[in-house]
Amino acid sequence: MSQPAAKIQRIMSGMRPTGRLHLGHYFGALLNWLEFQDKYESYFSIVDWHALTTKYQNTGEIAGNIHEIALDWLSTGINPEIATIYVQSAVPEIAELHLLLSMITPQNWVEREPTLKDMVKMLAADEAEAKEKVTYGLLGYPVLMTSDILTFRANLVPVGKDQASHLEFARDTVRRFNHIFNTDFFPEPQPKFTSTPLLKGVDGQKMGKSYNNDIKLADSEADTIKKVKQAITDRTRIAKADPGHTDLCEVPWPLYQIFGSNITEQVKTECESAQIGCVDCKTRLAGLINDFMRPIREKRETLAQDPERVRKILEHGNNKARKTAQETLNGVRDLMGLTRWV
């Protein structure tokens, strides 16, 4: 007798619309998403409500940033015919589930959640500043994050191994909900561990928009060359005639491992024998990055010239996401004894 086909697992992940994406996003998240969309039922969300938790005083850029992120996702190969790409605020069921879950979530669970603690530290230097900047919405961040996942009853959530604890809040919430209402309605979301290489920005810190040290997916070739030429190299190498040390080269050498893996031995030899200076070495690296990024950037430019197409893609994804979300909310309302008035 043939065995029944295994049920396809569902995966959910999202990004805040805070600006154009950079190489760190591509290698740390989007490459994984490209693999997942072919293996799992995938839901990828532009989480604009999460942006409001820290950017509530500066909302003028959110709409434009949603469009920019959609361009970045689509140009790298996220396929709206396979994956569901949607905007968080276009799925109001997420907000309703957030409200309902908040009714059963103990206050101390929220206060001790590590992600929230990190965000508070980032926003406020002391307790007095925290009282003004830490809003009710920010305190509810862990519950909203859980609602993002549970609205789609996702089995898996992509995370790096250092972020696994963030999912424990969601699993605790699932256990509490299922126990209170004597059900197994929500699956416990498990981490889908991903390879998230640490890409350094041109200043040697972790690549990030807030540090203004990133190379964006949408950067022009000229901008990429300019930024790479600013990258920190071997601080012990003073003159071009001095032998370099690839193990001390802070930014270009790690990037060569990604963009020039087939010539790393050549680069190492030329650097450590002073056959090539840092400026020429970085110019070559910039060329490799531009070669790699050219198809993505060309596709992005084409999409950018047709904003109506992008809008329709998001609208299509929003409708798909709402259909799934409504099924979930109907089940939750029944379990919680809420009468449907509409």
C-alpha atoms as a PDB file:
ATOM      1  CA  MET A   1       0.000   0.000   0.000  1.00  0.00           C
ATOM      2  CA  SER A   2       1.406   3.414  -0.930  1.00  0.00           C
ATOM      3  CA  GLN A   3       2.032   5.878   1.869  1.00  0.00           C
ATOM      4  CA  PRO A   4       0.133   9.199   1.893  1.00  0.00           C
ATOM      5  CA  ALA A   5       2.159  12.174   0.723  1.00  0.00           C
ATOM      6  CA  ALA A   6       3.765  14.113   3.545  1.00  0.00           C
ATOM      7  CA  LYS A   7       2.064  17.407   4.336  1.00  0.00           C
ATOM      8  CA  ILE A   8       4.038  20.370   3.057  1.00  0.00           C
ATOM      9  CA  GLN A   9       5.303  22.407   5.983  1.00  0.00           C
ATOM     10  CA  ARG A  10       4.618  26.111   6.195  1.00  0.00           C
ATOM     11  CA  ILE A  11       7.313  28.734   6.773  1.00  0.00           C
ATOM     12  CA  MET A  12       6.943  32.393   7.733  1.00  0.00           C
ATOM     13  CA  SER A  13       9.455  35.236   7.863  1.00  0.00           C
ATOM     14  CA  GLY A  14       9.470  39.001   7.475  1.00  0.00           C
ATOM     15  CA  MET A  15      11.466  42.213   7.278  1.00  0.00           C
ATOM     16  CA  ARG A  16      10.800  45.696   8.583  1.00  0.00           C
ATOM     17  CA  PRO A  17      10.490  48.399   5.876  1.00  0.00           C
ATOM     18  CA  THR A  18      13.264  50.668   7.079  1.00  0.00           C
ATOM     19  CA  GLY A  19      15.046  51.228   3.760  1.00  0.00           C
ATOM     20  CA  ARG A  20      16.680  49.500   0.832  1.00  0.00           C
ATOM     21  CA  LEU A  21      18.299  46.150   1.567  1.00  0.00           C
ATOM     22  CA  HIS A  22      22.039  45.477   1.499  1.00  0.00           C
ATOM     23  CA  LEU A  23      24.362  42.571   0.848  1.00  0.00           C
ATOM     24  CA  GLY A  24      23.992  41.380   4.443  1.00  0.00           C
ATOM     25  CA  HIS A  25      20.263  40.901   3.904  1.00  0.00           C
ATOM     26  CA  TYR A  26      20.890  39.030   0.667  1.00  0.00           C
ATOM     27  CA  PHE A  27      23.406  36.534   2.019  1.00  0.00           C
ATOM     28  CA  GLY A  28      21.901  36.343   5.506  1.00  0.00           C
ATOM     29  CA  ALA A  29      18.227  35.945   4.591  1.00  0.00           C
ATOM     30  CA  LEU A  30      17.164  36.173   0.959  1.00  0.00           C
ATOM     31  CA  LEU A  31      19.363  33.335  -0.269  1.00  0.00           C
ATOM     32  CA  ASN A  32      17.721  31.108   2.325  1.00  0.00           C
ATOM     33  CA  TRP A  33      14.272  32.308   1.277  1.00  0.00           C
ATOM     34  CA  LEU A  34      15.029  31.415  -2.343  1.00  0.00           C
ATOM     35  CA  GLU A  35      15.704  27.854  -1.231  1.00  0.00           C
ATOM     36  CA  PHE A  36      12.704  27.700   1.095  1.00  0.00           C
ATOM     37  CA  GLN A  37      10.141  28.860  -1.461  1.00  0.00           C
ATOM     38  CA  ASP A  38      10.758  25.699  -3.485  1.00  0.00           C
ATOM     39  CA  LYS A  39      10.506  23.400  -0.453  1.00  0.00           C
ATOM     40  CA  TYR A  40       7.858  24.900   1.809  1.00  0.00           C
ATOM     41  CA  GLU A  41       4.590  26.800   1.654  1.00  0.00           C
ATOM     42  CA  SER A  42       6.208  30.192   2.203  1.00  0.00           C
ATOM     43  CA  TYR A  43       4.803  33.416   3.630  1.00  0.00           C
ATOM     44  CA  PHE A  44       7.106  36.448   3.438  1.00  0.00           C
ATOM     45  CA  SER A  45       5.867  39.624   5.111  1.00  0.00           C
ATOM     46  CA  ILE A  46       6.846  43.284   4.942  1.00  0.00           C
ATOM     47  CA  VAL A  47       6.132  44.015   8.600  1.00  0.00           C
ATOM     48  CA  ASP A  48       5.213  47.694   8.601  1.00  0.00           C
ATOM     49  CA  TRP A  49       3.470  47.616  11.993  1.00  0.00           C
ATOM     50  CA  HIS A  50       6.773  46.529  13.495  1.00  0.00           C
ATOM     51  CA  ALA A  51       8.400  49.584  11.930  1.00  0.00           C
ATOM     52  CA  LEU A  52       5.945  51.746  13.873  1.00  0.00           C
ATOM     53  CA  THR A  53       7.132  50.322  17.209  1.00  0.00           C
ATOM     54  CA  THR A  54      10.328  52.381  16.910  1.00  0.00           C
ATOM     55  CA  LYS A  55       9.600  54.805  14.030  1.00  0.00           C
ATOM     56  CA  TYR A  56       6.198  56.116  15.085  1.00  0.00           C
ATOM     57  CA  GLN A  57       7.411  59.721  14.872  1.00  0.00           C
ATOM     58  CA  ASN A  58       8.761  59.323  11.346  1.00  0.00           C
ATOM     59  CA  THR A  59       6.240  57.451   9.223  1.00  0.00           C
ATOM     60  CA  GLY A  60       6.599  59.400   5.999  1.00  0.00           C
ATOM     61  CA  GLU A  61       9.084  56.926   4.526  1.00  0.00           C
ATOM     62  CA  ILE A  62       7.240  53.688   5.325  1.00  0.00           C
ATOM     63  CA  ALA A  63       5.118  53.508   2.153  1.00  0.00           C
ATOM     64  CA  GLY A  64       8.129  54.148  -0.065  1.00  0.00           C
ATOM     65  CA  ASN A  65      10.216  51.634   1.855  1.00  0.00           C
ATOM     66  CA  ILE A  66       7.551  48.956   1.375  1.00  0.00           C
ATOM     67  CA  HIS A  67       7.891  49.451  -2.368  1.00  0.00           C
ATOM     68  CA  GLU A  68      11.698  49.369  -2.157  1.00  0.00           C
ATOM     69  CA  ILE A  69      11.738  46.107  -0.201  1.00  0.00           C
ATOM     70  CA  ALA A  70       9.310  44.555  -2.665  1.00  0.00           C
ATOM     71  CA  LEU A  71      11.678  45.545  -5.495  1.00  0.00           C
ATOM     72  CA  ASP A  72      14.631  44.011  -3.642  1.00  0.00           C
ATOM     73  CA  TRP A  73      12.798  40.755  -2.960  1.00  0.00           C
ATOM     74  CA  LEU A  74      11.472  40.357  -6.468  1.00  0.00           C
ATOM     75  CA  SER A  75      14.746  41.257  -8.162  1.00  0.00           C
ATOM     76  CA  THR A  76      16.641  38.615  -6.167  1.00  0.00           C
ATOM     77  CA  GLY A  77      14.212  35.905  -7.259  1.00  0.00           C
ATOM     78  CA  ILE A  78      11.468  35.682  -4.648  1.00  0.00           C
ATOM     79  CA  ASN A  79       8.646  34.347  -6.809  1.00  0.00           C
ATOM     80  CA  PRO A  80       5.118  35.628  -6.068  1.00  0.00           C
ATOM     81  CA  GLU A  81       3.673  32.686  -7.985  1.00  0.00           C
ATOM     82  CA  ILE A  82       5.253  30.297  -5.472  1.00  0.00           C
ATOM     83  CA  ALA A  83       5.638  32.279  -2.241  1.00  0.00           C
ATOM     84  CA  THR A  84       3.062  34.610  -0.688  1.00  0.00           C
ATOM     85  CA  ILE A  85       4.500  38.125  -0.471  1.00  0.00           C
ATOM     86  CA  TYR A  86       2.316  40.464   1.568  1.00  0.00           C
ATOM     87  CA  VAL A  87       2.242  43.631   3.650  1.00  0.00           C
ATOM     88  CA  GLN A  88       1.535  43.047   7.327  1.00  0.00           C
ATOM     89  CA  SER A  89      -0.935  45.924   7.724  1.00  0.00           C
ATOM     90  CA  ALA A  90      -2.953  44.668   4.721  1.00  0.00           C
ATOM     91  CA  VAL A  91      -3.871  41.603   6.799  1.00  0.00           C
ATOM     92  CA  PRO A  92      -5.931  43.006   9.730  1.00  0.00           C
ATOM     93  CA  GLU A  93      -6.487  39.491  11.062  1.00  0.00           C
ATOM     94  CA  ILE A  94      -2.905  39.648  12.380  1.00  0.00           C
ATOM     95  CA  ALA A  95      -3.898  42.617  14.547  1.00  0.00           C
ATOM     96  CA  GLU A  96      -7.009  40.850  15.807  1.00  0.00           C
ATOM     97  CA  LEU A  97      -5.019  37.767  16.739  1.00  0.00           C
ATOM     98  CA  HIS A  98      -2.503  40.057  18.475  1.00  0.00           C
ATOM     99  CA  LEU A  99      -5.364  41.461  20.551  1.00  0.00           C
ATOM    100  CA  LEU A 100      -6.762  38.040  21.404  1.00  0.00           C
ATOM    101  CA  LEU A 101      -3.373  36.569  22.326  1.00  0.00           C
ATOM    102  CA  SER A 102      -2.619  39.601  24.503  1.00  0.00           C
ATOM    103  CA  MET A 103      -5.596  38.600  26.661  1.00  0.00           C
ATOM    104  CA  ILE A 104      -3.878  35.365  27.703  1.00  0.00           C
ATOM    105  CA  THR A 105      -0.237  36.544  27.770  1.00  0.00           C
ATOM    106  CA  PRO A 106       1.198  37.160  31.265  1.00  0.00           C
ATOM    107  CA  GLN A 107       2.803  40.574  31.635  1.00  0.00           C
ATOM    108  CA  ASN A 108       6.091  39.189  32.965  1.00  0.00           C
ATOM    109  CA  TRP A 109       6.508  37.065  29.822  1.00  0.00           C
ATOM    110  CA  VAL A 110       6.641  40.233  27.736  1.00  0.00           C
ATOM    111  CA  GLU A 111       8.946  42.106  30.100  1.00  0.00           C
ATOM    112  CA  ARG A 112      11.599  39.392  30.126  1.00  0.00           C
ATOM    113  CA  GLU A 113      11.595  38.705  26.363  1.00  0.00           C
ATOM    114  CA  PRO A 114      15.201  39.168  25.118  1.00  0.00           C
ATOM    115  CA  THR A 115      14.285  40.790  21.793  1.00  0.00           C
ATOM    116  CA  LEU A 116      12.289  43.473  23.582  1.00  0.00           C
ATOM    117  CA  LYS A 117      15.102  44.109  26.047  1.00  0.00           C
ATOM    118  CA  ASP A 118      17.533  44.593  23.165  1.00  0.00           C
ATOM    119  CA  MET A 119      15.193  47.049  21.448  1.00  0.00           C
ATOM    120  CA  VAL A 120      14.742  49.069  24.652  1.00  0.00           C
ATOM    121  CA  LYS A 121      18.516  49.318  25.072  1.00  0.00           C
ATOM    122  CA  MET A 122      18.825  50.511  21.495  1.00  0.00           C
ATOM    123  CA  LEU A 123      16.175  53.198  21.956  1.00  0.00           C
ATOM    124  CA  ALA A 124      16.894  54.554  25.409  1.00  0.00           C
ATOM    125  CA  ALA A 125      20.086  55.388  27.280  1.00  0.00           C
ATOM    126  CA  ASP A 126      18.462  55.449  30.713  1.00  0.00           C
ATOM    127  CA  GLU A 127      15.220  54.778  32.552  1.00  0.00           C
ATOM    128  CA  ALA A 128      13.914  58.315  32.124  1.00  0.00           C
ATOM    129  CA  GLU A 129      14.340  58.176  28.345  1.00  0.00           C
ATOM    130  CA  ALA A 130      12.798  54.728  28.247  1.00  0.00           C
ATOM    131  CA  LYS A 131       9.605  56.003  29.913  1.00  0.00           C
ATOM    132  CA  GLU A 132       9.032  58.331  26.959  1.00  0.00           C
ATOM    133  CA  LYS A 133      10.267  56.197  24.077  1.00  0.00           C
ATOM    134  CA  VAL A 134       9.075  52.743  25.107  1.00  0.00           C
ATOM    135  CA  THR A 135       5.447  52.735  23.996  1.00  0.00           C
ATOM    136  CA  TYR A 136       2.612  50.323  24.699  1.00  0.00           C
ATOM    137  CA  GLY A 137       3.035  49.118  21.127  1.00  0.00           C
ATOM    138  CA  LEU A 138       6.707  48.339  21.649  1.00  0.00           C
ATOM    139  CA  LEU A 139       5.917  46.415  24.832  1.00  0.00           C
ATOM    140  CA  GLY A 140       3.525  44.332  22.756  1.00  0.00           C
ATOM    141  CA  TYR A 141       6.187  43.603  20.143  1.00  0.00           C
ATOM    142  CA  PRO A 142       6.714  39.964  21.249  1.00  0.00           C
ATOM    143  CA  VAL A 143       2.973  39.268  21.038  1.00  0.00           C
ATOM    144  CA  LEU A 144       2.721  40.888  17.610  1.00  0.00           C
ATOM    145  CA  MET A 145       5.726  38.881  16.424  1.00  0.00           C
ATOM    146  CA  THR A 146       3.998  35.739  17.685  1.00  0.00           C
ATOM    147  CA  SER A 147       0.790  36.739  15.910  1.00  0.00           C
ATOM    148  CA  ASP A 148       2.705  37.124  12.641  1.00  0.00           C
ATOM    149  CA  ILE A 149       3.719  33.486  12.927  1.00  0.00           C
ATOM    150  CA  LEU A 150       0.521  32.004  14.349  1.00  0.00           C
ATOM    151  CA  THR A 151      -1.809  33.779  11.920  1.00  0.00           C
ATOM    152  CA  PHE A 152      -0.388  31.466   9.283  1.00  0.00           C
ATOM    153  CA  ARG A 153       0.053  28.537  11.682  1.00  0.00           C
ATOM    154  CA  ALA A 154       3.643  28.297  10.502  1.00  0.00           C
ATOM    155  CA  ASN A 155       5.596  25.184  11.427  1.00  0.00           C
ATOM    156  CA  LEU A 156       8.991  26.740  10.753  1.00  0.00           C
ATOM    157  CA  VAL A 157      10.585  30.161  11.182  1.00  0.00           C
ATOM    158  CA  PRO A 158      14.015  30.891   9.667  1.00  0.00           C
ATOM    159  CA  VAL A 159      16.483  32.100  12.292  1.00  0.00           C
ATOM    160  CA  GLY A 160      20.194  32.059  12.943  1.00  0.00           C
ATOM    161  CA  LYS A 161      21.281  29.816  15.807  1.00  0.00           C
ATOM    162  CA  ASP A 162      21.893  32.881  17.981  1.00  0.00           C
ATOM    163  CA  GLN A 163      18.204  33.855  17.592  1.00  0.00           C
ATOM    164  CA  ALA A 164      16.615  30.549  18.559  1.00  0.00           C
ATOM    165  CA  SER A 165      15.550  31.854  21.967  1.00  0.00           C
ATOM    166  CA  HIS A 166      13.360  34.484  20.303  1.00  0.00           C
ATOM    167  CA  LEU A 167      11.009  31.755  19.141  1.00  0.00           C
ATOM    168  CA  GLU A 168      10.545  30.381  22.634  1.00  0.00           C
ATOM    169  CA  PHE A 169       8.054  33.152  23.402  1.00  0.00           C
ATOM    170  CA  ALA A 170       5.898  32.024  20.481  1.00  0.00           C
ATOM    171  CA  ARG A 171       6.072  28.396  21.548  1.00  0.00           C
ATOM    172  CA  ASP A 172       5.164  29.307  25.141  1.00  0.00           C
ATOM    173  CA  THR A 173       2.169  31.229  23.810  1.00  0.00           C
ATOM    174  CA  VAL A 174       1.075  28.263  21.693  1.00  0.00           C
ATOM    175  CA  ARG A 175       1.296  25.906  24.673  1.00  0.00           C
ATOM    176  CA  ARG A 176      -0.685  28.302  26.858  1.00  0.00           C
ATOM    177  CA  PHE A 177      -3.388  28.864  24.234  1.00  0.00           C
ATOM    178  CA  ASN A 178      -3.736  25.170  23.432  1.00  0.00           C
ATOM    179  CA  HIS A 179      -3.880  24.304  27.147  1.00  0.00           C
ATOM    180  CA  ILE A 180      -6.439  26.956  28.091  1.00  0.00           C
ATOM    181  CA  PHE A 181      -8.770  26.048  25.239  1.00  0.00           C
ATOM    182  CA  ASN A 182      -8.063  22.306  25.297  1.00  0.00           C
ATOM    183  CA  THR A 183      -6.943  22.095  21.681  1.00  0.00           C
ATOM    184  CA  ASP A 184      -3.987  21.457  19.444  1.00  0.00           C
ATOM    185  CA  PHE A 185      -5.053  24.187  17.022  1.00  0.00           C
ATOM    186  CA  PHE A 186      -1.712  25.961  16.835  1.00  0.00           C
ATOM    187  CA  PRO A 187       1.473  24.040  15.983  1.00  0.00           C
ATOM    188  CA  GLU A 188       4.573  24.941  17.972  1.00  0.00           C
ATOM    189  CA  PRO A 189       6.755  26.877  15.512  1.00  0.00           C
ATOM    190  CA  GLN A 190      10.239  25.434  15.280  1.00  0.00           C
ATOM    191  CA  PRO A 191      13.395  27.261  14.242  1.00  0.00           C
ATOM    192  CA  LYS A 192      14.625  26.589  10.737  1.00  0.00           C
ATOM    193  CA  PHE A 193      18.305  27.227  11.291  1.00  0.00           C
ATOM    194  CA  THR A 194      19.938  29.143   8.497  1.00  0.00           C
ATOM    195  CA  SER A 195      23.468  29.996   7.547  1.00  0.00           C
ATOM    196  CA  THR A 196      23.854  33.689   8.288  1.00  0.00           C
ATOM    197  CA  PRO A 197      27.395  34.778   7.478  1.00  0.00           C
ATOM    198  CA  LEU A 198      28.499  37.969   9.191  1.00  0.00           C
ATOM    199  CA  LEU A 199      29.174  40.517   6.484  1.00  0.00           C
ATOM    200  CA  LYS A 200      31.184  43.489   7.626  1.00  0.00           C
ATOM    201  CA  GLY A 201      30.458  46.959   6.375  1.00  0.00           C
ATOM    202  CA  VAL A 202      33.174  49.082   4.807  1.00  0.00           C
ATOM    203  CA  ASP A 203      34.179  50.381   8.258  1.00  0.00           C
ATOM    204  CA  GLY A 204      34.769  46.915   9.691  1.00  0.00           C
ATOM    205  CA  GLN A 205      31.595  46.834  11.809  1.00  0.00           C
ATOM    206  CA  LYS A 206      28.670  44.557  11.061  1.00  0.00           C
ATOM    207  CA  MET A 207      27.021  45.730   7.857  1.00  0.00           C
ATOM    208  CA  GLY A 208      23.934  47.745   8.699  1.00  0.00           C
ATOM    209  CA  LYS A 209      21.846  50.636   7.408  1.00  0.00           C
ATOM    210  CA  SER A 210      22.070  52.443  10.734  1.00  0.00           C
ATOM    211  CA  TYR A 211      25.886  52.474  10.516  1.00  0.00           C
ATOM    212  CA  ASN A 212      25.855  53.902   6.976  1.00  0.00           C
ATOM    213  CA  ASN A 213      28.495  51.311   6.062  1.00  0.00           C
ATOM    214  CA  ASP A 214      26.522  49.044   3.761  1.00  0.00           C
ATOM    215  CA  ILE A 215      26.559  48.139   0.087  1.00  0.00           C
ATOM    216  CA  LYS A 216      22.955  48.117  -1.078  1.00  0.00           C
ATOM    217  CA  LEU A 217      21.456  45.756  -3.609  1.00  0.00           C
ATOM    218  CA  ALA A 218      20.253  48.790  -5.542  1.00  0.00           C
ATOM    219  CA  ASP A 219      23.567  50.696  -5.497  1.00  0.00           C
ATOM    220  CA  SER A 220      24.978  51.720  -8.858  1.00  0.00           C
ATOM    221  CA  GLU A 221      28.251  50.217 -10.017  1.00  0.00           C
ATOM    222  CA  ALA A 222      29.954  53.568  -9.420  1.00  0.00           C
ATOM    223  CA  ASP A 223      28.606  53.745  -5.864  1.00  0.00           C
ATOM    224  CA  THR A 224      29.765  50.185  -5.206  1.00  0.00           C
ATOM    225  CA  ILE A 225      33.294  50.979  -6.405  1.00  0.00           C
ATOM    226  CA  LYS A 226      33.378  54.117  -4.266  1.00  0.00           C
ATOM    227  CA  LYS A 227      32.226  52.271  -1.149  1.00  0.00           C
ATOM    228  CA  VAL A 228      34.563  49.300  -1.588  1.00  0.00           C
ATOM    229  CA  LYS A 229      37.517  51.661  -2.014  1.00  0.00           C
ATOM    230  CA  GLN A 230      36.702  53.019   1.467  1.00  0.00           C
ATOM    231  CA  ALA A 231      36.821  49.549   3.051  1.00  0.00           C
ATOM    232  CA  ILE A 232      39.204  48.928   5.941  1.00  0.00           C
ATOM    233  CA  THR A 233      42.015  46.582   4.950  1.00  0.00           C
ATOM    234  CA  ASP A 234      45.191  45.505   6.792  1.00  0.00           C
ATOM    235  CA  ARG A 235      45.868  48.278   9.313  1.00  0.00           C
ATOM    236  CA  THR A 236      49.493  47.144   9.693  1.00  0.00           C
ATOM    237  CA  ARG A 237      50.307  47.680   6.020  1.00  0.00           C
ATOM    238  CA  ILE A 238      51.618  51.211   5.582  1.00  0.00           C
ATOM    239  CA  ALA A 239      53.071  51.302   2.067  1.00  0.00           C
ATOM    240  CA  LYS A 240      52.230  49.458  -1.140  1.00  0.00           C
ATOM    241  CA  ALA A 241      55.667  47.837  -1.064  1.00  0.00           C
ATOM    242  CA  ASP A 242      54.985  46.331   2.375  1.00  0.00           C
ATOM    243  CA  PRO A 243      53.796  42.699   2.359  1.00  0.00           C
ATOM    244  CA  GLY A 244      50.134  42.433   3.323  1.00  0.00           C
ATOM    245  CA  HIS A 245      48.448  40.004   5.711  1.00  0.00           C
ATOM    246  CA  THR A 246      45.167  38.570   4.468  1.00  0.00           C
ATOM    247  CA  ASP A 247      44.331  37.322   7.967  1.00  0.00           C
ATOM    248  CA  LEU A 248      44.429  40.953   9.143  1.00  0.00           C
ATOM    249  CA  CYS A 249      42.479  42.342   6.171  1.00  0.00           C
ATOM    250  CA  GLU A 250      39.216  43.312   7.856  1.00  0.00           C
ATOM    251  CA  VAL A 251      36.760  43.788   4.982  1.00  0.00           C
ATOM    252  CA  PRO A 252      38.018  42.948   1.463  1.00  0.00           C
ATOM    253  CA  TRP A 253      39.470  39.517   2.269  1.00  0.00           C
ATOM    254  CA  PRO A 254      36.218  38.139   3.800  1.00  0.00           C
ATOM    255  CA  LEU A 255      34.303  39.517   0.803  1.00  0.00           C
ATOM    256  CA  TYR A 256      36.686  37.758  -1.545  1.00  0.00           C
ATOM    257  CA  GLN A 257      35.598  34.488   0.061  1.00  0.00           C
ATOM    258  CA  ILE A 258      32.093  35.209  -1.249  1.00  0.00           C
ATOM    259  CA  PHE A 259      32.581  37.032  -4.517  1.00  0.00           C
ATOM    260  CA  GLY A 260      35.988  35.752  -5.624  1.00  0.00           C
ATOM    261  CA  SER A 261      36.311  32.307  -4.111  1.00  0.00           C
ATOM    262  CA  ASN A 262      37.921  30.986  -7.306  1.00  0.00           C
ATOM    263  CA  ILE A 263      40.817  33.447  -7.069  1.00  0.00           C
ATOM    264  CA  THR A 264      41.470  33.598  -3.332  1.00  0.00           C
ATOM    265  CA  GLU A 265      44.824  31.817  -3.625  1.00  0.00           C
ATOM    266  CA  GLN A 266      45.902  34.295  -6.270  1.00  0.00           C
ATOM    267  CA  VAL A 267      44.753  37.219  -4.129  1.00  0.00           C
ATOM    268  CA  LYS A 268      46.537  35.834  -1.067  1.00  0.00           C
ATOM    269  CA  THR A 269      49.791  35.391  -2.981  1.00  0.00           C
ATOM    270  CA  GLU A 270      49.658  38.834  -4.574  1.00  0.00           C
ATOM    271  CA  CYS A 271      48.797  40.545  -1.291  1.00  0.00           C
ATOM    272  CA  GLU A 272      51.335  38.813   0.921  1.00  0.00           C
ATOM    273  CA  SER A 273      54.164  39.256  -1.596  1.00  0.00           C
ATOM    274  CA  ALA A 274      53.289  42.926  -2.194  1.00  0.00           C
ATOM    275  CA  GLN A 275      52.576  42.311  -5.873  1.00  0.00           C
ATOM    276  CA  ILE A 276      49.380  44.343  -5.565  1.00  0.00           C
ATOM    277  CA  GLY A 277      48.412  47.260  -3.360  1.00  0.00           C
ATOM    278  CA  CYS A 278      45.213  47.571  -1.364  1.00  0.00           C
ATOM    279  CA  VAL A 279      43.679  50.143  -3.728  1.00  0.00           C
ATOM    280  CA  ASP A 280      44.056  47.913  -6.785  1.00  0.00           C
ATOM    281  CA  CYS A 281      42.919  44.883  -4.787  1.00  0.00           C
ATOM    282  CA  LYS A 282      39.747  46.676  -3.694  1.00  0.00           C
ATOM    283  CA  THR A 283      39.089  47.896  -7.232  1.00  0.00           C
ATOM    284  CA  ARG A 284      39.171  44.298  -8.437  1.00  0.00           C
ATOM    285  CA  LEU A 285      36.868  43.240  -5.603  1.00  0.00           C
ATOM    286  CA  ALA A 286      34.383  45.973  -6.521  1.00  0.00           C
ATOM    287  CA  GLY A 287      34.354  44.633 -10.067  1.00  0.00           C
ATOM    288  CA  LEU A 288      33.560  41.132  -8.806  1.00  0.00           C
ATOM    289  CA  ILE A 289      30.702  42.451  -6.668  1.00  0.00           C
ATOM    290  CA  ASN A 290      29.312  44.426  -9.595  1.00  0.00           C
ATOM    291  CA  ASP A 291      29.516  41.381 -11.876  1.00  0.00           C
ATOM    292  CA  PHE A 292      27.605  39.315  -9.334  1.00  0.00           C
ATOM    293  CA  MET A 293      24.975  41.969  -8.700  1.00  0.00           C
ATOM    294  CA  ARG A 294      24.432  43.089 -12.307  1.00  0.00           C
ATOM    295  CA  PRO A 295      21.551  40.680 -13.174  1.00  0.00           C
ATOM    296  CA  ILE A 296      19.780  41.523  -9.914  1.00  0.00           C
ATOM    297  CA  ARG A 297      20.183  45.244 -10.448  1.00  0.00           C
ATOM    298  CA  GLU A 298      19.021  45.063 -14.053  1.00  0.00           C
ATOM    299  CA  LYS A 299      15.892  43.171 -13.029  1.00  0.00           C
ATOM    300  CA  ARG A 300      15.300  45.653 -10.222  1.00  0.00           C
ATOM    301  CA  GLU A 301      15.587  48.601 -12.576  1.00  0.00           C
ATOM    302  CA  THR A 302      13.053  47.027 -14.945  1.00  0.00           C
ATOM    303  CA  LEU A 303      10.613  46.432 -12.095  1.00  0.00           C
ATOM    304  CA  ALA A 304      11.108  49.967 -10.789  1.00  0.00           C
ATOM    305  CA  GLN A 305       9.866  51.313 -14.112  1.00  0.00           C
ATOM    306  CA  ASP A 306       6.561  49.474 -13.648  1.00  0.00           C
ATOM    307  CA  PRO A 307       5.272  50.361 -10.159  1.00  0.00           C
ATOM    308  CA  GLU A 308       1.757  49.212 -11.073  1.00  0.00           C
ATOM    309  CA  ARG A 309       3.061  45.689 -11.627  1.00  0.00           C
ATOM    310  CA  VAL A 310       4.693  45.711  -8.198  1.00  0.00           C
ATOM    311  CA  ARG A 311       1.502  47.037  -6.627  1.00  0.00           C
ATOM    312  CA  LYS A 312      -0.521  44.239  -8.214  1.00  0.00           C
ATOM    313  CA  ILE A 313       1.953  41.621  -6.993  1.00  0.00           C
ATOM    314  CA  LEU A 314       1.576  42.896  -3.431  1.00  0.00           C
ATOM    315  CA  GLU A 315      -2.199  43.091  -3.793  1.00  0.00           C
ATOM    316  CA  HIS A 316      -2.273  39.491  -5.003  1.00  0.00           C
ATOM    317  CA  GLY A 317      -0.142  38.392  -2.048  1.00  0.00           C
ATOM    318  CA  ASN A 318      -2.240  40.373   0.415  1.00  0.00           C
ATOM    319  CA  ASN A 319      -5.398  38.628  -0.805  1.00  0.00           C
ATOM    320  CA  LYS A 320      -3.782  35.189  -0.531  1.00  0.00           C
ATOM    321  CA  ALA A 321      -2.495  35.975   2.952  1.00  0.00           C
ATOM    322  CA  ARG A 322      -5.902  37.246   4.101  1.00  0.00           C
ATOM    323  CA  LYS A 323      -7.621  34.070   2.973  1.00  0.00           C
ATOM    324  CA  THR A 324      -5.322  31.959   5.148  1.00  0.00           C
ATOM    325  CA  ALA A 325      -5.516  34.455   8.008  1.00  0.00           C
ATOM    326  CA  GLN A 326      -9.315  34.450   7.974  1.00  0.00           C
ATOM    327  CA  GLU A 327      -9.368  30.668   8.276  1.00  0.00           C
ATOM    328  CA  THR A 328      -7.115  30.918  11.320  1.00  0.00           C
ATOM    329  CA  LEU A 329      -9.181  33.655  12.967  1.00  0.00           C
ATOM    330  CA  ASN A 330     -12.407  31.774  12.433  1.00  0.00           C
ATOM    331  CA  GLY A 331     -10.915  28.837  14.314  1.00  0.00           C
ATOM    332  CA  VAL A 332      -9.590  31.052  17.119  1.00  0.00           C
ATOM    333  CA  ARG A 333     -12.912  32.829  17.564  1.00  0.00           C
ATOM    334  CA  ASP A 334     -14.742  29.524  17.822  1.00  0.00           C
ATOM    335  CA  LEU A 335     -12.285  28.189  20.387  1.00  0.00           C
ATOM    336  CA  MET A 336     -12.532  31.396  22.465  1.00  0.00           C
ATOM    337  CA  GLY A 337     -16.334  31.397  22.346  1.00  0.00           C
ATOM    338  CA  LEU A 338     -16.637  34.623  20.382  1.00  0.00           C
ATOM    339  CA  THR A 339     -19.850  35.073  18.421  1.00  0.00           C
ATOM    340  CA  ARG A 340     -19.448  36.078  14.790  1.00  0.00           C
ATOM    341  CA  TRP A 341     -21.627  39.132  14.229  1.00  0.00           C
ATOM    342  CA  VAL A 342     -20.657  39.602  10.607  1.00  0.00           C
END
